[in-house]
C-alpha atoms as a PDB file:
ATOM      1  CA  MET A   1      24.460 -17.460 -36.907  1.00  0.00           C
ATOM      2  CA  ALA A   2      23.794 -16.351 -33.463  1.00  0.00           C
ATOM      3  CA  GLN A   3      21.977 -13.325 -33.361  1.00  0.00           C
ATOM      4  CA  ASN A   4      23.661 -10.497 -31.042  1.00  0.00           C
ATOM      5  CA  GLN A   5      21.366  -9.475 -27.972  1.00  0.00           C
ATOM      6  CA  ILE A   6      21.842  -6.713 -25.730  1.00  0.00           C
ATOM      7  CA  ASP A   7      20.728  -7.412 -21.940  1.00  0.00           C
ATOM      8  CA  VAL A   8      19.009  -4.116 -22.315  1.00  0.00           C
ATOM      9  CA  ASN A   9      17.720  -4.749 -18.565  1.00  0.00           C
ATOM     10  CA  GLN A  10      21.284  -4.944 -17.455  1.00  0.00           C
ATOM     11  CA  LEU A  11      22.156  -1.639 -18.903  1.00  0.00           C
ATOM     12  CA  ASN A  12      19.144   0.052 -17.543  1.00  0.00           C
ATOM     13  CA  GLN A  13      20.372  -1.094 -14.364  1.00  0.00           C
ATOM     14  CA  ALA A  14      23.559   0.466 -14.484  1.00  0.00           C
ATOM     15  CA  LYS A  15      22.399   3.630 -16.060  1.00  0.00           C
ATOM     16  CA  ALA A  16      20.448   3.646 -12.633  1.00  0.00           C
ATOM     17  CA  ASN A  17      23.447   3.350 -10.608  1.00  0.00           C
ATOM     18  CA  VAL A  18      25.195   5.800 -12.352  1.00  0.00           C
ATOM     19  CA  THR A  19      21.890   8.385 -11.997  1.00  0.00           C
ATOM     20  CA  LEU A  20      21.858   7.770  -8.423  1.00  0.00           C
ATOM     21  CA  THR A  21      25.527   7.854  -7.743  1.00  0.00           C
ATOM     22  CA  GLU A  22      25.333  11.557  -9.830  1.00  0.00           C
ATOM     23  CA  SER A  23      22.736  12.109  -6.999  1.00  0.00           C
ATOM     24  CA  LEU A  24      25.098  10.755  -4.152  1.00  0.00           C
ATOM     25  CA  LEU A  25      27.893  12.731  -5.491  1.00  0.00           C
ATOM     26  CA  THR A  26      25.428  15.970  -5.577  1.00  0.00           C
ATOM     27  CA  GLN A  27      25.403  15.621  -1.863  1.00  0.00           C
ATOM     28  CA  ALA A  28      28.263  14.942  -0.658  1.00  0.00           C
ATOM     29  CA  ILE A  29      29.478  18.438  -2.180  1.00  0.00           C
ATOM     30  CA  GLU A  30      26.933  20.283  -0.846  1.00  0.00           C
ATOM     31  CA  LYS A  31      27.283  18.473   2.649  1.00  0.00           C
ATOM     32  CA  SER A  32      31.178  18.448   2.297  1.00  0.00           C
ATOM     33  CA  SER A  33      31.964  21.847   4.632  1.00  0.00           C
ATOM     34  CA  SER A  34      28.789  21.429   7.260  1.00  0.00           C
ATOM     35  CA  ASP A  35      28.832  17.581   7.296  1.00  0.00           C
ATOM     36  CA  PRO A  36      31.669  16.066   6.624  1.00  0.00           C
ATOM     37  CA  THR A  37      30.330  12.571   8.153  1.00  0.00           C
ATOM     38  CA  LEU A  38      27.345  12.695   5.858  1.00  0.00           C
ATOM     39  CA  ALA A  39      29.441  13.484   2.730  1.00  0.00           C
ATOM     40  CA  GLN A  40      31.762  10.683   3.449  1.00  0.00           C
ATOM     41  CA  GLU A  41      28.544   8.362   3.754  1.00  0.00           C
ATOM     42  CA  ALA A  42      27.278   9.542   0.537  1.00  0.00           C
ATOM     43  CA  ILE A  43      30.686   8.978  -1.459  1.00  0.00           C
ATOM     44  CA  LYS A  44      30.867   5.668   0.160  1.00  0.00           C
ATOM     45  CA  GLN A  45      27.033   4.961  -1.455  1.00  0.00           C
ATOM     46  CA  ALA A  46      28.537   6.120  -4.912  1.00  0.00           C
ATOM     47  CA  THR A  47      31.480   4.415  -4.963  1.00  0.00           C
ATOM     48  CA  ASN A  48      29.488   1.114  -4.355  1.00  0.00           C
ATOM     49  CA  GLU A  49      27.018   2.208  -7.115  1.00  0.00           C
ATOM     50  CA  ILE A  50      29.527   2.253  -9.931  1.00  0.00           C
ATOM     51  CA  ALA A  51      31.274  -0.251  -9.173  1.00  0.00           C
ATOM     52  CA  GLN A  52      27.415  -2.484  -9.248  1.00  0.00           C
ATOM     53  CA  ALA A  53      27.076   0.021 -12.867  1.00  0.00           C
ATOM     54  CA  GLN A  54      31.028  -1.416 -14.027  1.00  0.00           C
ATOM     55  CA  THR A  55      30.071  -5.011 -13.030  1.00  0.00           C
ATOM     56  CA  ALA A  56      26.545  -4.808 -15.471  1.00  0.00           C
ATOM     57  CA  VAL A  57      28.128  -3.738 -18.444  1.00  0.00           C
ATOM     58  CA  SER A  58      30.726  -5.664 -18.369  1.00  0.00           C
ATOM     59  CA  GLN A  59      28.775  -8.529 -17.599  1.00  0.00           C
ATOM     60  CA  VAL A  60      26.844  -7.444 -21.104  1.00  0.00           C
ATOM     61  CA  GLN A  61      30.234  -7.152 -22.328  1.00  0.00           C
ATOM     62  CA  SER A  62      31.311 -10.154 -21.926  1.00  0.00           C
ATOM     63  CA  ALA A  63      28.080 -11.791 -23.265  1.00  0.00           C
ATOM     64  CA  PHE A  64      27.866 -10.142 -26.438  1.00  0.00           C
ATOM     65  CA  LEU A  65      31.538 -10.501 -27.081  1.00  0.00           C
ATOM     66  CA  ALA A  66      30.912 -14.360 -26.400  1.00  0.00           C
ATOM     67  CA  GLN A  67      27.716 -14.319 -28.721  1.00  0.00           C
ATOM     68  CA  LYS A  68      29.662 -12.516 -31.163  1.00  0.00           C
ATOM     69  CA  SER A  69      32.587 -15.291 -31.184  1.00  0.00           C
ATOM     70  CA  GLU A  70      29.735 -18.161 -31.705  1.00  0.00           C
END
């Protein structure tokens, strides 16, 4: 029977992406009225970070489910 292992490195990367997203969204909120262009750029970057986090979590989940079915 295969031992189920979770890729902690990928989960840590996802966590870092989420932390950066939080910071970017805070920046977007703070700059929303004074610098809309900067706020919009922060939102775009936050969107990319969320996508990367989601990809990492999905990869971990897929690998875990594949191991589980062995």
